[in-house]
Amino acid sequence: MPDQVQRFLFDATAVRGELVQLHQSYQEVLNRHDYPAPIERLLGELLAAAALLTATVKLDGTLTLEARGQGQVSLLMAECNTGLKGGDQLRAIARYQQQPEGETLQQLLGGGQLVITLDPYKGQRYQGIVALNQDNLAACLESYFASSEQLPSRLWLMADATAAGGLLLQQLPDDHHNKDADAWERINHLAATLSQDELLHLDQHEILHRLFHEETVRVFDPQPLSFGCTCSRERIADALASLGEADLREMLAEQGNITTQCHFCNTSYTFDSEALPDILKSKADGAPSGTTLH
């Protein structure tokens, strides 16, 4: 089954939805790190949420979800970049201390906040913040939709060791096209019967048929998803340039070269003294600061 987001709506109602499944892209994230199983599951849910939200807001740019905790896990982060060849690209990382104990969002992060950042390629950057005060990530995101989008929304996010997935339902503003006033409650009741095994391991059209076979569901072309990292030697050089010439020369004198690693994909980049002029030139040319070194 391909990694993709499937958009759908219910004819003659004010209800729309999205269904996402991640297999290869989720495994690409896990294969680059040795995360404990509870963190893997939370990262899977966050990746699925990033894909769903990107499709929901129809963003042409980068969407970032950062769960900043006060407990054993200090950071869970997922990004979705759109408009790329072959579809949207996902990546994710986690930061934690020692071997965390616990399974749930509250046990691992101990409260904190979820930061949602929309960074369009053209236009203004937007950031929203919601408290991590619910039992799970889906409930926290529902609170975000209630306060920011002001549209009733329901989410189901699930992950195991092999796959991650999510289902989003949203009630649209009522208009003359809505011929079914009870649709929102009824469709939510049907969606709540979705099991983890169904969401993660069945074909998307089969899932929609099992849940909503008595409804008239209209599906659209799916959006493909894959793992992808935005790091490059040039972007890392731009970030190093912000340290300044004096600090860079000191690091080269002490270490012989400067080696840094992208924490998303684990790719290492090494710069020696011969590379210093090119690093400094990027700063002199006013190049953007590039990727953040997490």
C-alpha atoms as a PDB file:
ATOM      1  CA  MET A   1       0.000   0.000   0.000  1.00  0.00           C
ATOM      2  CA  PRO A   2       1.416   3.398  -0.960  1.00  0.00           C
ATOM      3  CA  ASP A   3       2.078   6.227   1.473  1.00  0.00           C
ATOM      4  CA  GLN A   4      -0.611   8.788   0.670  1.00  0.00           C
ATOM      5  CA  VAL A   5      -3.375  11.103   1.824  1.00  0.00           C
ATOM      6  CA  GLN A   6      -6.840  10.316   0.495  1.00  0.00           C
ATOM      7  CA  ARG A   7      -9.310  13.221   0.494  1.00  0.00           C
ATOM      8  CA  PHE A   8     -13.043  12.510   0.474  1.00  0.00           C
ATOM      9  CA  LEU A   9     -16.390  14.123   1.176  1.00  0.00           C
ATOM     10  CA  PHE A  10     -19.937  13.033   1.765  1.00  0.00           C
ATOM     11  CA  ASP A  11     -22.365  14.161  -0.923  1.00  0.00           C
ATOM     12  CA  ALA A  12     -25.259  16.403   0.103  1.00  0.00           C
ATOM     13  CA  THR A  13     -23.689  17.046   3.532  1.00  0.00           C
ATOM     14  CA  ALA A  14     -21.340  19.571   5.117  1.00  0.00           C
ATOM     15  CA  VAL A  15     -18.780  16.899   6.075  1.00  0.00           C
ATOM     16  CA  ARG A  16     -15.363  16.275   4.522  1.00  0.00           C
ATOM     17  CA  GLY A  17     -12.483  13.992   5.490  1.00  0.00           C
ATOM     18  CA  GLU A  18      -8.934  12.816   4.933  1.00  0.00           C
ATOM     19  CA  LEU A  19      -7.325   9.444   5.437  1.00  0.00           C
ATOM     20  CA  VAL A  20      -3.547   8.960   5.629  1.00  0.00           C
ATOM     21  CA  GLN A  21      -1.375   5.833   5.801  1.00  0.00           C
ATOM     22  CA  LEU A  22       2.404   5.826   6.193  1.00  0.00           C
ATOM     23  CA  HIS A  23       4.540   2.742   5.721  1.00  0.00           C
ATOM     24  CA  GLN A  24       7.847   3.387   3.944  1.00  0.00           C
ATOM     25  CA  SER A  25       8.203   7.010   5.044  1.00  0.00           C
ATOM     26  CA  TYR A  26       7.538   6.041   8.676  1.00  0.00           C
ATOM     27  CA  GLN A  27      10.076   3.238   8.479  1.00  0.00           C
ATOM     28  CA  GLU A  28      12.634   5.621   6.959  1.00  0.00           C
ATOM     29  CA  VAL A  29      12.324   7.789  10.076  1.00  0.00           C
ATOM     30  CA  LEU A  30      12.652   4.824  12.450  1.00  0.00           C
ATOM     31  CA  ASN A  31      15.582   3.250  10.577  1.00  0.00           C
ATOM     32  CA  ARG A  32      17.698   6.372  11.075  1.00  0.00           C
ATOM     33  CA  HIS A  33      17.350   6.316  14.867  1.00  0.00           C
ATOM     34  CA  ASP A  34      17.031   3.841  17.694  1.00  0.00           C
ATOM     35  CA  TYR A  35      13.972   5.173  19.468  1.00  0.00           C
ATOM     36  CA  PRO A  36      12.143   3.287  22.231  1.00  0.00           C
ATOM     37  CA  ALA A  37       8.833   1.817  21.081  1.00  0.00           C
ATOM     38  CA  PRO A  38       6.563   4.384  22.854  1.00  0.00           C
ATOM     39  CA  ILE A  39       8.433   7.247  21.173  1.00  0.00           C
ATOM     40  CA  GLU A  40       8.208   5.498  17.798  1.00  0.00           C
ATOM     41  CA  ARG A  41       4.436   5.307  18.159  1.00  0.00           C
ATOM     42  CA  LEU A  42       4.103   8.965  19.135  1.00  0.00           C
ATOM     43  CA  LEU A  43       6.330  10.007  16.228  1.00  0.00           C
ATOM     44  CA  GLY A  44       4.155   7.950  13.899  1.00  0.00           C
ATOM     45  CA  GLU A  45       1.044   9.741  15.151  1.00  0.00           C
ATOM     46  CA  LEU A  46       2.787  13.112  14.742  1.00  0.00           C
ATOM     47  CA  LEU A  47       3.852  12.276  11.172  1.00  0.00           C
ATOM     48  CA  ALA A  48       0.298  11.257  10.284  1.00  0.00           C
ATOM     49  CA  ALA A  49      -1.020  14.454  11.853  1.00  0.00           C
ATOM     50  CA  ALA A  50       1.453  16.583   9.886  1.00  0.00           C
ATOM     51  CA  ALA A  51       0.301  15.015   6.619  1.00  0.00           C
ATOM     52  CA  LEU A  52      -3.382  15.476   7.494  1.00  0.00           C
ATOM     53  CA  LEU A  53      -3.002  19.108   8.571  1.00  0.00           C
ATOM     54  CA  THR A  54      -0.950  20.007   5.503  1.00  0.00           C
ATOM     55  CA  ALA A  55      -3.700  18.690   3.258  1.00  0.00           C
ATOM     56  CA  THR A  56      -6.428  20.319   5.374  1.00  0.00           C
ATOM     57  CA  VAL A  57      -5.018  23.848   5.235  1.00  0.00           C
ATOM     58  CA  LYS A  58      -3.938  23.395   1.574  1.00  0.00           C
ATOM     59  CA  LEU A  59      -0.472  24.746   2.379  1.00  0.00           C
ATOM     60  CA  ASP A  60       2.129  25.348  -0.314  1.00  0.00           C
ATOM     61  CA  GLY A  61       5.205  25.343   1.887  1.00  0.00           C
ATOM     62  CA  THR A  62       6.324  23.669   5.122  1.00  0.00           C
ATOM     63  CA  LEU A  63       4.155  22.617   8.056  1.00  0.00           C
ATOM     64  CA  THR A  64       5.911  21.823  11.330  1.00  0.00           C
ATOM     65  CA  LEU A  65       4.465  20.191  14.437  1.00  0.00           C
ATOM     66  CA  GLU A  66       6.572  20.510  17.598  1.00  0.00           C
ATOM     67  CA  ALA A  67       5.461  18.840  20.806  1.00  0.00           C
ATOM     68  CA  ARG A  68       7.638  20.422  23.492  1.00  0.00           C
ATOM     69  CA  GLY A  69       7.485  18.473  26.712  1.00  0.00           C
ATOM     70  CA  GLN A  70       8.425  19.036  30.319  1.00  0.00           C
ATOM     71  CA  GLY A  71       9.062  15.389  31.131  1.00  0.00           C
ATOM     72  CA  GLN A  72      11.287  12.552  29.955  1.00  0.00           C
ATOM     73  CA  VAL A  73      10.670  13.479  26.307  1.00  0.00           C
ATOM     74  CA  SER A  74      11.556  17.114  25.596  1.00  0.00           C
ATOM     75  CA  LEU A  75      10.724  17.236  21.878  1.00  0.00           C
ATOM     76  CA  LEU A  76       8.762  15.404  19.225  1.00  0.00           C
ATOM     77  CA  MET A  77       8.929  17.123  15.847  1.00  0.00           C
ATOM     78  CA  ALA A  78       7.504  16.333  12.415  1.00  0.00           C
ATOM     79  CA  GLU A  79       7.612  18.334   9.194  1.00  0.00           C
ATOM     80  CA  CYS A  80       5.788  18.095   5.887  1.00  0.00           C
ATOM     81  CA  ASN A  81       7.161  19.876   2.810  1.00  0.00           C
ATOM     82  CA  THR A  82       4.824  20.341  -0.148  1.00  0.00           C
ATOM     83  CA  GLY A  83       5.177  21.065  -3.830  1.00  0.00           C
ATOM     84  CA  LEU A  84       8.063  18.658  -4.364  1.00  0.00           C
ATOM     85  CA  LYS A  85       8.511  16.230  -7.228  1.00  0.00           C
ATOM     86  CA  GLY A  86       6.793  12.971  -6.385  1.00  0.00           C
ATOM     87  CA  GLY A  87       4.527  14.470  -3.719  1.00  0.00           C
ATOM     88  CA  ASP A  88       4.823  15.840  -0.200  1.00  0.00           C
ATOM     89  CA  GLN A  89       7.809  14.819   1.922  1.00  0.00           C
ATOM     90  CA  LEU A  90       7.876  13.987   5.633  1.00  0.00           C
ATOM     91  CA  ARG A  91      10.573  13.832   8.299  1.00  0.00           C
ATOM     92  CA  ALA A  92      10.637  13.635  12.110  1.00  0.00           C
ATOM     93  CA  ILE A  93      12.896  13.548  15.165  1.00  0.00           C
ATOM     94  CA  ALA A  94      12.621  13.094  18.935  1.00  0.00           C
ATOM     95  CA  ARG A  95      14.695  14.194  21.915  1.00  0.00           C
ATOM     96  CA  TYR A  96      14.564  12.377  25.218  1.00  0.00           C
ATOM     97  CA  GLN A  97      16.648  11.655  28.306  1.00  0.00           C
ATOM     98  CA  GLN A  98      17.853   8.143  29.128  1.00  0.00           C
ATOM     99  CA  GLN A  99      15.331   5.348  28.701  1.00  0.00           C
ATOM    100  CA  PRO A 100      11.917   6.946  29.149  1.00  0.00           C
ATOM    101  CA  GLU A 101       9.305   5.199  31.241  1.00  0.00           C
ATOM    102  CA  GLY A 102       5.653   5.286  30.313  1.00  0.00           C
ATOM    103  CA  GLU A 103       3.511   4.870  27.222  1.00  0.00           C
ATOM    104  CA  THR A 104       1.121   7.790  26.905  1.00  0.00           C
ATOM    105  CA  LEU A 105       1.553  11.377  25.779  1.00  0.00           C
ATOM    106  CA  GLN A 106       1.179  12.692  29.317  1.00  0.00           C
ATOM    107  CA  GLN A 107       3.518  10.099  30.850  1.00  0.00           C
ATOM    108  CA  LEU A 108       6.296  10.810  28.356  1.00  0.00           C
ATOM    109  CA  LEU A 109       6.032  14.565  27.821  1.00  0.00           C
ATOM    110  CA  GLY A 110       4.576  15.560  31.187  1.00  0.00           C
ATOM    111  CA  GLY A 111       2.579  18.440  29.761  1.00  0.00           C
ATOM    112  CA  GLY A 112       3.964  21.247  27.655  1.00  0.00           C
ATOM    113  CA  GLN A 113       2.719  22.688  24.385  1.00  0.00           C
ATOM    114  CA  LEU A 114       2.162  21.784  20.769  1.00  0.00           C
ATOM    115  CA  VAL A 115       3.419  24.406  18.312  1.00  0.00           C
ATOM    116  CA  ILE A 116       1.947  24.366  14.793  1.00  0.00           C
ATOM    117  CA  THR A 117       3.946  26.392  12.266  1.00  0.00           C
ATOM    118  CA  LEU A 118       2.786  27.128   8.722  1.00  0.00           C
ATOM    119  CA  ASP A 119       5.624  28.504   6.595  1.00  0.00           C
ATOM    120  CA  PRO A 120       4.406  29.132   3.022  1.00  0.00           C
ATOM    121  CA  TYR A 121       6.884  29.541   0.191  1.00  0.00           C
ATOM    122  CA  LYS A 122       5.121  32.835  -0.524  1.00  0.00           C
ATOM    123  CA  GLY A 123       3.370  34.845   2.145  1.00  0.00           C
ATOM    124  CA  GLN A 124       3.437  35.283   5.890  1.00  0.00           C
ATOM    125  CA  ARG A 125       4.526  32.674   8.405  1.00  0.00           C
ATOM    126  CA  TYR A 126       1.865  31.638  10.910  1.00  0.00           C
ATOM    127  CA  GLN A 127       2.264  29.926  14.269  1.00  0.00           C
ATOM    128  CA  GLY A 128      -0.355  28.509  16.596  1.00  0.00           C
ATOM    129  CA  ILE A 129       0.112  27.027  20.070  1.00  0.00           C
ATOM    130  CA  VAL A 130      -2.078  24.619  21.997  1.00  0.00           C
ATOM    131  CA  ALA A 131      -1.502  23.025  25.400  1.00  0.00           C
ATOM    132  CA  LEU A 132      -0.560  19.342  25.629  1.00  0.00           C
ATOM    133  CA  ASN A 133      -3.165  18.837  28.332  1.00  0.00           C
ATOM    134  CA  GLN A 134      -5.223  16.059  26.736  1.00  0.00           C
ATOM    135  CA  ASP A 135      -4.850  12.296  26.937  1.00  0.00           C
ATOM    136  CA  ASN A 136      -3.540  11.975  23.391  1.00  0.00           C
ATOM    137  CA  LEU A 137      -2.224  13.967  20.453  1.00  0.00           C
ATOM    138  CA  ALA A 138      -5.466  13.727  18.491  1.00  0.00           C
ATOM    139  CA  ALA A 139      -7.435  15.400  21.295  1.00  0.00           C
ATOM    140  CA  CYS A 140      -4.861  18.213  21.527  1.00  0.00           C
ATOM    141  CA  LEU A 141      -5.168  18.866  17.805  1.00  0.00           C
ATOM    142  CA  GLU A 142      -8.956  18.879  18.054  1.00  0.00           C
ATOM    143  CA  SER A 143      -8.584  21.686  20.606  1.00  0.00           C
ATOM    144  CA  TYR A 144      -6.372  23.549  18.142  1.00  0.00           C
ATOM    145  CA  PHE A 145      -8.979  23.281  15.385  1.00  0.00           C
ATOM    146  CA  ALA A 146     -11.719  24.419  17.755  1.00  0.00           C
ATOM    147  CA  SER A 147      -9.814  27.599  18.696  1.00  0.00           C
ATOM    148  CA  SER A 148      -8.120  28.497  15.402  1.00  0.00           C
ATOM    149  CA  GLU A 149     -10.148  27.078  12.533  1.00  0.00           C
ATOM    150  CA  GLN A 150     -13.434  27.285  14.446  1.00  0.00           C
ATOM    151  CA  LEU A 151     -14.655  24.268  12.538  1.00  0.00           C
ATOM    152  CA  PRO A 152     -15.738  21.126  14.416  1.00  0.00           C
ATOM    153  CA  SER A 153     -13.054  18.511  13.713  1.00  0.00           C
ATOM    154  CA  ARG A 154     -12.357  14.961  14.848  1.00  0.00           C
ATOM    155  CA  LEU A 155      -9.090  13.058  14.542  1.00  0.00           C
ATOM    156  CA  TRP A 156      -7.999   9.481  15.029  1.00  0.00           C
ATOM    157  CA  LEU A 157      -4.215   8.867  15.052  1.00  0.00           C
ATOM    158  CA  MET A 158      -2.627   5.418  15.426  1.00  0.00           C
ATOM    159  CA  ALA A 159       0.759   3.763  14.940  1.00  0.00           C
ATOM    160  CA  ASP A 160       2.525   0.472  15.617  1.00  0.00           C
ATOM    161  CA  ALA A 161       6.010  -0.799  14.776  1.00  0.00           C
ATOM    162  CA  THR A 162       5.280  -1.051  11.050  1.00  0.00           C
ATOM    163  CA  ALA A 163       2.867   1.714  10.042  1.00  0.00           C
ATOM    164  CA  ALA A 164       1.208   4.965  11.071  1.00  0.00           C
ATOM    165  CA  GLY A 165      -2.127   6.386  10.041  1.00  0.00           C
ATOM    166  CA  GLY A 166      -4.791   8.942  10.709  1.00  0.00           C
ATOM    167  CA  LEU A 167      -8.368   9.878   9.938  1.00  0.00           C
ATOM    168  CA  LEU A 168      -9.704  13.428  10.032  1.00  0.00           C
ATOM    169  CA  LEU A 169     -13.324  14.528   9.752  1.00  0.00           C
ATOM    170  CA  GLN A 170     -14.351  18.172   9.539  1.00  0.00           C
ATOM    171  CA  GLN A 171     -17.728  19.842   9.549  1.00  0.00           C
ATOM    172  CA  LEU A 172     -17.849  22.606   6.951  1.00  0.00           C
ATOM    173  CA  PRO A 173     -19.941  25.764   7.211  1.00  0.00           C
ATOM    174  CA  ASP A 174     -23.566  24.933   6.497  1.00  0.00           C
ATOM    175  CA  ASP A 175     -24.951  25.980   3.116  1.00  0.00           C
ATOM    176  CA  HIS A 176     -27.682  25.063   0.662  1.00  0.00           C
ATOM    177  CA  HIS A 177     -25.751  21.971  -0.463  1.00  0.00           C
ATOM    178  CA  ASN A 178     -26.276  20.330   2.930  1.00  0.00           C
ATOM    179  CA  LYS A 179     -29.389  18.156   2.726  1.00  0.00           C
ATOM    180  CA  ASP A 180     -28.577  16.071   5.804  1.00  0.00           C
ATOM    181  CA  ALA A 181     -28.601  17.900   9.143  1.00  0.00           C
ATOM    182  CA  ASP A 182     -27.763  14.736  11.094  1.00  0.00           C
ATOM    183  CA  ALA A 183     -24.759  13.747   8.993  1.00  0.00           C
ATOM    184  CA  TRP A 184     -22.037  15.090  11.317  1.00  0.00           C
ATOM    185  CA  GLU A 185     -23.146  13.108  14.367  1.00  0.00           C
ATOM    186  CA  ARG A 186     -23.873   9.960  12.379  1.00  0.00           C
ATOM    187  CA  ILE A 187     -20.578   9.956  10.456  1.00  0.00           C
ATOM    188  CA  ASN A 188     -18.587  10.566  13.626  1.00  0.00           C
ATOM    189  CA  HIS A 189     -20.304   7.623  15.284  1.00  0.00           C
ATOM    190  CA  LEU A 190     -19.357   5.396  12.344  1.00  0.00           C
ATOM    191  CA  ALA A 191     -15.757   6.633  12.298  1.00  0.00           C
ATOM    192  CA  ALA A 192     -15.343   5.860  15.986  1.00  0.00           C
ATOM    193  CA  THR A 193     -15.640   2.139  15.179  1.00  0.00           C
ATOM    194  CA  LEU A 194     -12.338   2.254  13.241  1.00  0.00           C
ATOM    195  CA  SER A 195      -9.783  -0.169  14.659  1.00  0.00           C
ATOM    196  CA  GLN A 196      -6.009   0.224  14.614  1.00  0.00           C
ATOM    197  CA  ASP A 197      -5.567  -2.854  12.446  1.00  0.00           C
ATOM    198  CA  GLU A 198      -8.013  -1.489   9.877  1.00  0.00           C
ATOM    199  CA  LEU A 199      -6.470   1.970   9.754  1.00  0.00           C
ATOM    200  CA  LEU A 200      -2.889   0.766   9.445  1.00  0.00           C
ATOM    201  CA  HIS A 201      -3.188  -2.314   7.276  1.00  0.00           C
ATOM    202  CA  LEU A 202      -6.238  -2.146   4.998  1.00  0.00           C
ATOM    203  CA  ASP A 203      -6.515  -0.459   1.617  1.00  0.00           C
ATOM    204  CA  GLN A 204      -7.897   3.059   1.987  1.00  0.00           C
ATOM    205  CA  HIS A 205     -10.924   2.455  -0.223  1.00  0.00           C
ATOM    206  CA  GLU A 206     -11.731  -0.662   1.781  1.00  0.00           C
ATOM    207  CA  ILE A 207     -11.525   1.345   5.011  1.00  0.00           C
ATOM    208  CA  LEU A 208     -13.943   3.938   3.660  1.00  0.00           C
ATOM    209  CA  HIS A 209     -16.298   1.206   2.467  1.00  0.00           C
ATOM    210  CA  ARG A 210     -16.253  -0.591   5.824  1.00  0.00           C
ATOM    211  CA  LEU A 211     -16.951   2.582   7.776  1.00  0.00           C
ATOM    212  CA  PHE A 212     -19.313   4.424   5.461  1.00  0.00           C
ATOM    213  CA  HIS A 213     -20.867   1.886   3.081  1.00  0.00           C
ATOM    214  CA  GLU A 214     -24.334   3.346   3.746  1.00  0.00           C
ATOM    215  CA  GLU A 215     -23.145   6.889   2.898  1.00  0.00           C
ATOM    216  CA  THR A 216     -22.406   8.446  -0.490  1.00  0.00           C
ATOM    217  CA  VAL A 217     -18.660   9.053  -0.389  1.00  0.00           C
ATOM    218  CA  ARG A 218     -16.853  11.006  -3.102  1.00  0.00           C
ATOM    219  CA  VAL A 219     -13.076  10.397  -3.270  1.00  0.00           C
ATOM    220  CA  PHE A 220     -10.423  12.514  -4.987  1.00  0.00           C
ATOM    221  CA  ASP A 221      -6.984  11.782  -6.395  1.00  0.00           C
ATOM    222  CA  PRO A 222      -4.672  10.802  -3.511  1.00  0.00           C
ATOM    223  CA  GLN A 223      -1.610  12.856  -2.616  1.00  0.00           C
ATOM    224  CA  PRO A 224       1.572  10.721  -2.518  1.00  0.00           C
ATOM    225  CA  LEU A 225       3.901  10.989   0.475  1.00  0.00           C
ATOM    226  CA  SER A 226       7.518  10.004   1.046  1.00  0.00           C
ATOM    227  CA  PHE A 227      10.389  10.540   3.433  1.00  0.00           C
ATOM    228  CA  GLY A 228      12.553  13.508   2.543  1.00  0.00           C
ATOM    229  CA  CYS A 229      15.077  15.766   4.224  1.00  0.00           C
ATOM    230  CA  THR A 230      15.813  19.374   3.284  1.00  0.00           C
ATOM    231  CA  CYS A 231      19.406  19.312   4.505  1.00  0.00           C
ATOM    232  CA  SER A 232      22.306  19.859   2.072  1.00  0.00           C
ATOM    233  CA  ARG A 233      25.966  20.832   2.273  1.00  0.00           C
ATOM    234  CA  GLU A 234      25.064  24.363   1.189  1.00  0.00           C
ATOM    235  CA  ARG A 235      22.372  24.759   3.860  1.00  0.00           C
ATOM    236  CA  ILE A 236      24.677  23.444   6.579  1.00  0.00           C
ATOM    237  CA  ALA A 237      27.408  25.838   5.414  1.00  0.00           C
ATOM    238  CA  ASP A 238      24.936  28.724   5.629  1.00  0.00           C
ATOM    239  CA  ALA A 239      24.111  27.754   9.210  1.00  0.00           C
ATOM    240  CA  LEU A 240      27.801  27.487  10.157  1.00  0.00           C
ATOM    241  CA  ALA A 241      28.434  30.951   8.691  1.00  0.00           C
ATOM    242  CA  SER A 242      26.196  32.438  11.376  1.00  0.00           C
ATOM    243  CA  LEU A 243      28.777  31.385  14.015  1.00  0.00           C
ATOM    244  CA  GLY A 244      31.226  33.990  12.709  1.00  0.00           C
ATOM    245  CA  GLU A 245      34.738  33.773  11.304  1.00  0.00           C
ATOM    246  CA  ALA A 246      36.553  33.887  14.656  1.00  0.00           C
ATOM    247  CA  ASP A 247      34.641  30.944  16.140  1.00  0.00           C
ATOM    248  CA  LEU A 248      34.975  28.925  12.955  1.00  0.00           C
ATOM    249  CA  ARG A 249      38.741  29.445  12.826  1.00  0.00           C
ATOM    250  CA  GLU A 250      39.028  28.457  16.479  1.00  0.00           C
ATOM    251  CA  MET A 251      37.050  25.250  15.876  1.00  0.00           C
ATOM    252  CA  LEU A 252      39.221  24.375  12.872  1.00  0.00           C
ATOM    253  CA  ALA A 253      42.411  25.023  14.853  1.00  0.00           C
ATOM    254  CA  GLU A 254      41.259  22.764  17.695  1.00  0.00           C
ATOM    255  CA  GLN A 255      39.651  19.956  15.696  1.00  0.00           C
ATOM    256  CA  GLY A 256      41.236  20.098  12.244  1.00  0.00           C
ATOM    257  CA  ASN A 257      37.796  20.115  10.665  1.00  0.00           C
ATOM    258  CA  ILE A 258      34.172  20.793  11.541  1.00  0.00           C
ATOM    259  CA  THR A 259      31.762  17.875  11.415  1.00  0.00           C
ATOM    260  CA  THR A 260      28.050  18.295  11.940  1.00  0.00           C
ATOM    261  CA  GLN A 261      25.145  15.925  11.479  1.00  0.00           C
ATOM    262  CA  CYS A 262      21.568  16.408  10.366  1.00  0.00           C
ATOM    263  CA  HIS A 263      19.443  15.072  13.194  1.00  0.00           C
ATOM    264  CA  PHE A 264      16.587  14.218  10.834  1.00  0.00           C
ATOM    265  CA  CYS A 265      18.381  11.938   8.389  1.00  0.00           C
ATOM    266  CA  ASN A 266      21.729  11.379  10.207  1.00  0.00           C
ATOM    267  CA  THR A 267      23.771  12.574   7.211  1.00  0.00           C
ATOM    268  CA  SER A 268      27.196  13.899   8.289  1.00  0.00           C
ATOM    269  CA  TYR A 269      28.867  16.946   6.731  1.00  0.00           C
ATOM    270  CA  THR A 270      32.568  17.709   7.197  1.00  0.00           C
ATOM    271  CA  PHE A 271      34.268  21.037   6.464  1.00  0.00           C
ATOM    272  CA  ASP A 272      38.042  21.612   6.554  1.00  0.00           C
ATOM    273  CA  SER A 273      40.020  24.855   6.481  1.00  0.00           C
ATOM    274  CA  GLU A 274      39.895  24.960   2.678  1.00  0.00           C
ATOM    275  CA  ALA A 275      36.113  25.213   2.867  1.00  0.00           C
ATOM    276  CA  LEU A 276      36.180  28.256   5.157  1.00  0.00           C
ATOM    277  CA  PRO A 277      36.232  30.900   2.373  1.00  0.00           C
ATOM    278  CA  ASP A 278      33.132  29.371   0.780  1.00  0.00           C
ATOM    279  CA  ILE A 279      31.343  29.288   4.162  1.00  0.00           C
ATOM    280  CA  LEU A 280      32.134  32.932   4.828  1.00  0.00           C
ATOM    281  CA  LYS A 281      31.182  33.911   1.288  1.00  0.00           C
ATOM    282  CA  SER A 282      27.671  32.596   1.827  1.00  0.00           C
ATOM    283  CA  LYS A 283      27.309  34.987   4.761  1.00  0.00           C
ATOM    284  CA  ALA A 284      28.795  37.898   2.808  1.00  0.00           C
ATOM    285  CA  ASP A 285      26.369  37.254  -0.041  1.00  0.00           C
ATOM    286  CA  GLY A 286      23.458  37.507   2.366  1.00  0.00           C
ATOM    287  CA  ALA A 287      22.423  33.885   1.937  1.00  0.00           C
ATOM    288  CA  PRO A 288      19.543  32.662   4.108  1.00  0.00           C
ATOM    289  CA  SER A 289      20.461  31.020   7.374  1.00  0.00           C
ATOM    290  CA  GLY A 290      19.259  27.654   6.021  1.00  0.00           C
ATOM    291  CA  THR A 291      18.254  24.676   8.082  1.00  0.00           C
ATOM    292  CA  THR A 292      18.220  24.701  11.850  1.00  0.00           C
ATOM    293  CA  LEU A 293      20.762  22.396  13.485  1.00  0.00           C
ATOM    294  CA  HIS A 294      18.583  20.599  16.036  1.00  0.00           C
END
